[in-house]
Amino acid sequence: MGRTIVSGSAVWIVAQEQPRWGEVWAFGGPGGTIAVHRCSWSRRGHTRFWGDGNPTPDPPTPDAQLIGKVIRIEAPDGTTTGLGPVDRFGRSTLLWLWRLPRRARGRVRRLLARRL
């Protein structure tokens, strides 16, 4: 989450049932690590997360590995920031628009590869 959460930051987490699109969540990552990324979709017992600074999404995460929703961030310099609805929708929409050309390029490449 390099764009929203600086590495080494502390996060406050609250328990919730299911993540919603755009919310920032903590979850069990590969190798027993804890990851904090934004939810891009959730269905049938799995949730896909996508870190703001990552070029590709994470593999689907089983709901059993979800820890909780991130509501506040404390940066290493001591400043704190809350994550509210504006962050959820504003940043998610901007990231979606930023990734859109990349998605379109990938689709065009796949389409051209099939025709060649």
N, C-alpha and C. Protein backbone atom coordinates (compact mmCIF):
# COMPACT_ATOMS: atom_id res chain seq x y z
N MET A 1 0.84 -1.20 0.00
CA MET A 1 0.00 0.00 0.00
C MET A 1 0.87 1.24 0.00
N GLY A 2 1.95 1.22 -0.72
CA GLY A 2 2.91 2.30 -0.73
C GLY A 2 2.33 3.68 -0.96
N ARG A 3 1.26 3.82 -1.69
CA ARG A 3 0.71 5.15 -1.94
C ARG A 3 -0.12 5.65 -0.77
N THR A 4 -0.77 4.76 -0.03
CA THR A 4 -1.63 5.16 1.07
C THR A 4 -0.97 4.95 2.42
N ILE A 5 -0.28 3.82 2.59
CA ILE A 5 0.35 3.48 3.86
C ILE A 5 1.85 3.29 3.64
N VAL A 6 2.64 4.09 4.34
CA VAL A 6 4.09 4.00 4.23
C VAL A 6 4.55 2.74 4.95
N SER A 7 5.53 2.05 4.39
CA SER A 7 6.06 0.84 5.01
C SER A 7 6.57 1.15 6.42
N GLY A 8 6.22 0.30 7.38
CA GLY A 8 6.62 0.51 8.76
C GLY A 8 5.58 1.24 9.59
N SER A 9 4.44 1.58 8.99
CA SER A 9 3.38 2.27 9.72
C SER A 9 2.62 1.30 10.61
N ALA A 10 2.03 1.84 11.67
CA ALA A 10 1.13 1.06 12.53
C ALA A 10 -0.30 1.31 12.05
N VAL A 11 -1.13 0.29 12.11
CA VAL A 11 -2.52 0.44 11.68
C VAL A 11 -3.48 0.00 12.79
N TRP A 12 -4.63 0.70 12.88
CA TRP A 12 -5.69 0.31 13.79
C TRP A 12 -6.70 -0.49 12.99
N ILE A 13 -7.13 -1.61 13.57
CA ILE A 13 -8.01 -2.53 12.86
C ILE A 13 -9.26 -2.77 13.68
N VAL A 14 -10.42 -2.85 13.01
CA VAL A 14 -11.67 -3.25 13.66
C VAL A 14 -12.19 -4.50 12.98
N ALA A 15 -12.82 -5.35 13.76
CA ALA A 15 -13.38 -6.59 13.21
C ALA A 15 -14.67 -6.28 12.45
N GLN A 16 -14.82 -6.90 11.29
CA GLN A 16 -16.04 -6.80 10.49
C GLN A 16 -16.24 -8.13 9.80
N GLU A 17 -17.45 -8.34 9.30
CA GLU A 17 -17.78 -9.61 8.64
C GLU A 17 -17.10 -9.76 7.28
N GLN A 18 -17.38 -8.87 6.37
CA GLN A 18 -16.90 -8.97 4.99
C GLN A 18 -16.36 -7.64 4.51
N PRO A 19 -15.29 -7.64 3.75
CA PRO A 19 -14.81 -6.39 3.17
C PRO A 19 -15.71 -5.95 2.02
N ARG A 20 -15.79 -4.63 1.85
CA ARG A 20 -16.52 -4.06 0.72
C ARG A 20 -15.51 -3.46 -0.24
N TRP A 21 -15.92 -3.30 -1.47
CA TRP A 21 -15.05 -2.77 -2.51
C TRP A 21 -14.44 -1.45 -2.05
N GLY A 22 -13.11 -1.35 -2.17
CA GLY A 22 -12.41 -0.12 -1.86
C GLY A 22 -11.91 -0.01 -0.43
N GLU A 23 -12.40 -0.85 0.48
CA GLU A 23 -11.96 -0.78 1.87
C GLU A 23 -10.55 -1.35 2.01
N VAL A 24 -9.79 -0.80 2.96
CA VAL A 24 -8.44 -1.29 3.23
C VAL A 24 -8.53 -2.30 4.36
N TRP A 25 -8.00 -3.50 4.15
CA TRP A 25 -8.08 -4.59 5.13
C TRP A 25 -6.71 -5.19 5.40
N ALA A 26 -6.59 -5.76 6.59
CA ALA A 26 -5.41 -6.55 6.94
C ALA A 26 -5.81 -8.02 6.81
N PHE A 27 -4.90 -8.82 6.27
CA PHE A 27 -5.19 -10.24 6.07
C PHE A 27 -3.89 -11.03 6.11
N GLY A 28 -4.03 -12.32 6.33
CA GLY A 28 -2.86 -13.20 6.35
C GLY A 28 -2.30 -13.37 4.96
N GLY A 29 -1.05 -13.00 4.79
CA GLY A 29 -0.40 -13.09 3.49
C GLY A 29 0.40 -14.37 3.36
N PRO A 30 1.16 -14.49 2.28
CA PRO A 30 1.96 -15.71 2.08
C PRO A 30 3.07 -15.83 3.11
N GLY A 31 3.34 -17.05 3.54
CA GLY A 31 4.42 -17.32 4.47
C GLY A 31 4.17 -16.82 5.89
N GLY A 32 2.91 -16.65 6.28
CA GLY A 32 2.59 -16.22 7.62
C GLY A 32 2.74 -14.72 7.86
N THR A 33 2.91 -13.94 6.81
CA THR A 33 3.02 -12.49 6.96
C THR A 33 1.62 -11.87 7.04
N ILE A 34 1.57 -10.62 7.45
CA ILE A 34 0.32 -9.87 7.47
C ILE A 34 0.43 -8.80 6.40
N ALA A 35 -0.56 -8.75 5.52
CA ALA A 35 -0.58 -7.76 4.44
C ALA A 35 -1.74 -6.80 4.67
N VAL A 36 -1.59 -5.57 4.19
CA VAL A 36 -2.64 -4.56 4.26
C VAL A 36 -2.83 -4.03 2.85
N HIS A 37 -3.97 -4.39 2.24
CA HIS A 37 -4.27 -3.96 0.87
C HIS A 37 -5.74 -3.59 0.75
N ARG A 38 -6.09 -3.01 -0.39
CA ARG A 38 -7.45 -2.58 -0.67
C ARG A 38 -8.23 -3.71 -1.34
N CYS A 39 -9.50 -3.88 -0.94
CA CYS A 39 -10.36 -4.93 -1.50
C CYS A 39 -10.79 -4.54 -2.92
N SER A 40 -10.61 -5.47 -3.86
CA SER A 40 -11.07 -5.21 -5.23
C SER A 40 -12.31 -6.04 -5.57
N TRP A 41 -12.53 -7.19 -4.91
CA TRP A 41 -13.79 -7.93 -5.00
C TRP A 41 -13.85 -9.00 -3.93
N SER A 42 -15.06 -9.42 -3.62
CA SER A 42 -15.27 -10.46 -2.61
C SER A 42 -16.47 -11.30 -3.04
N ARG A 43 -16.26 -12.63 -3.15
CA ARG A 43 -17.36 -13.53 -3.52
C ARG A 43 -17.01 -14.97 -3.16
N ARG A 44 -18.03 -15.71 -2.83
CA ARG A 44 -17.94 -17.15 -2.56
C ARG A 44 -16.78 -17.55 -1.64
N GLY A 45 -16.65 -16.86 -0.52
CA GLY A 45 -15.65 -17.26 0.45
C GLY A 45 -14.22 -16.82 0.16
N HIS A 46 -14.01 -16.01 -0.88
CA HIS A 46 -12.68 -15.52 -1.22
C HIS A 46 -12.75 -14.02 -1.50
N THR A 47 -11.66 -13.34 -1.20
CA THR A 47 -11.57 -11.90 -1.44
C THR A 47 -10.27 -11.62 -2.18
N ARG A 48 -10.34 -10.77 -3.17
CA ARG A 48 -9.13 -10.36 -3.90
C ARG A 48 -8.76 -8.96 -3.44
N PHE A 49 -7.49 -8.79 -3.11
CA PHE A 49 -6.96 -7.50 -2.67
C PHE A 49 -5.95 -7.00 -3.69
N TRP A 50 -5.78 -5.69 -3.70
CA TRP A 50 -4.84 -5.06 -4.63
C TRP A 50 -4.19 -3.90 -3.89
N GLY A 51 -2.90 -3.99 -3.66
CA GLY A 51 -2.17 -2.90 -3.00
C GLY A 51 -2.09 -1.69 -3.91
N ASP A 52 -2.21 -0.50 -3.34
CA ASP A 52 -2.21 0.73 -4.15
C ASP A 52 -0.94 0.88 -4.99
N GLY A 53 0.18 0.38 -4.51
CA GLY A 53 1.43 0.52 -5.25
C GLY A 53 1.80 -0.70 -6.09
N ASN A 54 0.93 -1.71 -6.12
CA ASN A 54 1.24 -2.95 -6.85
C ASN A 54 0.70 -2.91 -8.27
N PRO A 55 1.46 -3.42 -9.24
CA PRO A 55 0.97 -3.44 -10.63
C PRO A 55 -0.08 -4.52 -10.88
N THR A 56 -0.12 -5.55 -10.05
CA THR A 56 -1.10 -6.64 -10.24
C THR A 56 -1.78 -6.95 -8.90
N PRO A 57 -2.99 -7.53 -8.94
CA PRO A 57 -3.68 -7.88 -7.70
C PRO A 57 -3.07 -9.10 -7.04
N ASP A 58 -3.40 -9.27 -5.76
CA ASP A 58 -2.98 -10.45 -5.02
C ASP A 58 -3.86 -11.63 -5.45
N PRO A 59 -3.40 -12.86 -5.26
CA PRO A 59 -4.28 -14.00 -5.52
C PRO A 59 -5.46 -13.98 -4.54
N PRO A 60 -6.59 -14.60 -4.88
CA PRO A 60 -7.74 -14.60 -3.98
C PRO A 60 -7.36 -15.14 -2.60
N THR A 61 -7.84 -14.46 -1.57
CA THR A 61 -7.56 -14.82 -0.18
C THR A 61 -8.79 -15.46 0.43
N PRO A 62 -8.67 -16.64 1.05
CA PRO A 62 -9.82 -17.24 1.72
C PRO A 62 -10.28 -16.34 2.87
N ASP A 63 -11.59 -16.29 3.09
CA ASP A 63 -12.14 -15.43 4.14
C ASP A 63 -11.62 -15.79 5.52
N ALA A 64 -11.16 -17.01 5.72
CA ALA A 64 -10.61 -17.42 7.02
C ALA A 64 -9.33 -16.65 7.36
N GLN A 65 -8.66 -16.07 6.36
CA GLN A 65 -7.40 -15.34 6.59
C GLN A 65 -7.62 -13.84 6.80
N LEU A 66 -8.87 -13.37 6.75
CA LEU A 66 -9.15 -11.96 6.96
C LEU A 66 -8.96 -11.61 8.42
N ILE A 67 -8.33 -10.47 8.69
CA ILE A 67 -8.10 -10.03 10.06
C ILE A 67 -9.07 -8.92 10.44
N GLY A 68 -9.13 -7.86 9.64
CA GLY A 68 -10.05 -6.77 9.95
C GLY A 68 -9.83 -5.56 9.07
N LYS A 69 -10.77 -4.62 9.18
CA LYS A 69 -10.74 -3.39 8.39
C LYS A 69 -9.83 -2.37 9.05
N VAL A 70 -8.98 -1.73 8.24
CA VAL A 70 -8.06 -0.69 8.74
C VAL A 70 -8.83 0.63 8.81
N ILE A 71 -8.82 1.26 10.01
CA ILE A 71 -9.55 2.52 10.17
C ILE A 71 -8.63 3.72 10.41
N ARG A 72 -7.40 3.46 10.84
CA ARG A 72 -6.47 4.55 11.12
C ARG A 72 -5.04 4.09 10.87
N ILE A 73 -4.22 5.02 10.41
CA ILE A 73 -2.81 4.73 10.11
C ILE A 73 -1.93 5.68 10.89
N GLU A 74 -0.89 5.15 11.52
CA GLU A 74 0.11 6.00 12.16
C GLU A 74 1.43 5.79 11.44
N ALA A 75 1.89 6.83 10.75
CA ALA A 75 3.14 6.77 9.99
C ALA A 75 4.33 6.71 10.94
N PRO A 76 5.48 6.26 10.44
CA PRO A 76 6.68 6.20 11.30
C PRO A 76 7.06 7.54 11.92
N ASP A 77 6.69 8.66 11.29
CA ASP A 77 7.02 9.98 11.86
C ASP A 77 6.03 10.42 12.94
N GLY A 78 5.00 9.60 13.24
CA GLY A 78 4.06 9.89 14.32
C GLY A 78 2.75 10.52 13.88
N THR A 79 2.62 10.90 12.62
CA THR A 79 1.37 11.49 12.15
C THR A 79 0.32 10.39 11.95
N THR A 80 -0.94 10.71 12.26
CA THR A 80 -2.01 9.73 12.10
C THR A 80 -3.00 10.21 11.05
N THR A 81 -3.58 9.26 10.35
CA THR A 81 -4.56 9.53 9.30
C THR A 81 -5.69 8.53 9.44
N GLY A 82 -6.93 9.02 9.36
CA GLY A 82 -8.08 8.13 9.39
C GLY A 82 -8.48 7.75 7.98
N LEU A 83 -9.01 6.55 7.82
CA LEU A 83 -9.51 6.11 6.52
C LEU A 83 -11.02 6.13 6.57
N GLY A 84 -11.63 7.01 5.82
CA GLY A 84 -13.08 7.12 5.81
C GLY A 84 -13.66 6.86 4.44
N PRO A 85 -14.94 7.19 4.25
CA PRO A 85 -15.60 6.94 2.96
C PRO A 85 -14.95 7.67 1.80
N VAL A 86 -14.43 8.87 2.03
CA VAL A 86 -13.79 9.61 0.93
C VAL A 86 -12.57 8.85 0.45
N ASP A 87 -11.78 8.35 1.37
CA ASP A 87 -10.60 7.57 0.99
C ASP A 87 -11.03 6.32 0.23
N ARG A 88 -12.05 5.66 0.74
CA ARG A 88 -12.50 4.41 0.13
C ARG A 88 -12.90 4.62 -1.33
N PHE A 89 -13.77 5.58 -1.58
CA PHE A 89 -14.27 5.77 -2.94
C PHE A 89 -13.33 6.61 -3.79
N GLY A 90 -12.75 7.64 -3.21
CA GLY A 90 -11.88 8.52 -3.98
C GLY A 90 -10.63 7.83 -4.49
N ARG A 91 -9.88 7.21 -3.61
CA ARG A 91 -8.64 6.55 -4.02
C ARG A 91 -8.93 5.33 -4.89
N SER A 92 -9.97 4.59 -4.55
CA SER A 92 -10.29 3.40 -5.34
C SER A 92 -10.65 3.79 -6.77
N THR A 93 -11.42 4.85 -6.92
CA THR A 93 -11.80 5.28 -8.27
C THR A 93 -10.59 5.77 -9.04
N LEU A 94 -9.73 6.55 -8.38
CA LEU A 94 -8.52 7.02 -9.06
C LEU A 94 -7.62 5.87 -9.47
N LEU A 95 -7.47 4.89 -8.59
CA LEU A 95 -6.64 3.73 -8.93
C LEU A 95 -7.24 2.93 -10.07
N TRP A 96 -8.56 2.79 -10.07
CA TRP A 96 -9.23 2.06 -11.15
C TRP A 96 -8.98 2.78 -12.48
N LEU A 97 -9.11 4.10 -12.49
CA LEU A 97 -8.87 4.86 -13.72
C LEU A 97 -7.42 4.77 -14.15
N TRP A 98 -6.50 4.78 -13.16
CA TRP A 98 -5.07 4.70 -13.47
C TRP A 98 -4.73 3.35 -14.09
N ARG A 99 -5.39 2.28 -13.61
CA ARG A 99 -5.11 0.94 -14.12
C ARG A 99 -5.86 0.62 -15.41
N LEU A 100 -6.87 1.39 -15.74
CA LEU A 100 -7.70 1.12 -16.92
C LEU A 100 -6.89 1.01 -18.21
N PRO A 101 -5.99 1.96 -18.51
CA PRO A 101 -5.22 1.81 -19.76
C PRO A 101 -4.41 0.52 -19.79
N ARG A 102 -3.87 0.12 -18.65
CA ARG A 102 -3.08 -1.11 -18.59
C ARG A 102 -3.98 -2.31 -18.91
N ARG A 103 -5.19 -2.32 -18.35
CA ARG A 103 -6.13 -3.40 -18.63
C ARG A 103 -6.48 -3.44 -20.11
N ALA A 104 -6.72 -2.26 -20.67
CA ALA A 104 -7.08 -2.19 -22.09
C ALA A 104 -5.93 -2.68 -22.96
N ARG A 105 -4.69 -2.29 -22.62
CA ARG A 105 -3.54 -2.76 -23.39
C ARG A 105 -3.43 -4.27 -23.34
N GLY A 106 -3.67 -4.84 -22.16
CA GLY A 106 -3.60 -6.30 -22.02
C GLY A 106 -4.65 -7.00 -22.86
N ARG A 107 -5.85 -6.45 -22.89
CA ARG A 107 -6.92 -7.05 -23.69
C ARG A 107 -6.61 -6.97 -25.18
N VAL A 108 -6.06 -5.83 -25.60
CA VAL A 108 -5.70 -5.67 -27.01
C VAL A 108 -4.59 -6.65 -27.38
N ARG A 109 -3.58 -6.81 -26.51
CA ARG A 109 -2.51 -7.77 -26.79
C ARG A 109 -3.06 -9.19 -26.92
N ARG A 110 -3.94 -9.57 -26.01
CA ARG A 110 -4.51 -10.93 -26.08
C ARG A 110 -5.34 -11.12 -27.34
N LEU A 111 -6.09 -10.09 -27.71
CA LEU A 111 -6.89 -10.18 -28.92
C LEU A 111 -6.00 -10.31 -30.16
N LEU A 112 -4.93 -9.52 -30.22
CA LEU A 112 -4.01 -9.59 -31.35
C LEU A 112 -3.28 -10.93 -31.38
N ALA A 113 -2.93 -11.46 -30.23
CA ALA A 113 -2.22 -12.74 -30.18
C ALA A 113 -3.10 -13.86 -30.72
N ARG A 114 -4.39 -13.79 -30.46
CA ARG A 114 -5.31 -14.82 -30.98
C ARG A 114 -5.43 -14.75 -32.50
N ARG A 115 -5.36 -13.54 -33.03
CA ARG A 115 -5.55 -13.36 -34.48
C ARG A 115 -4.29 -13.66 -35.28
N LEU A 116 -3.13 -13.61 -34.64
CA LEU A 116 -1.87 -13.82 -35.37
C LEU A 116 -1.50 -15.26 -35.46
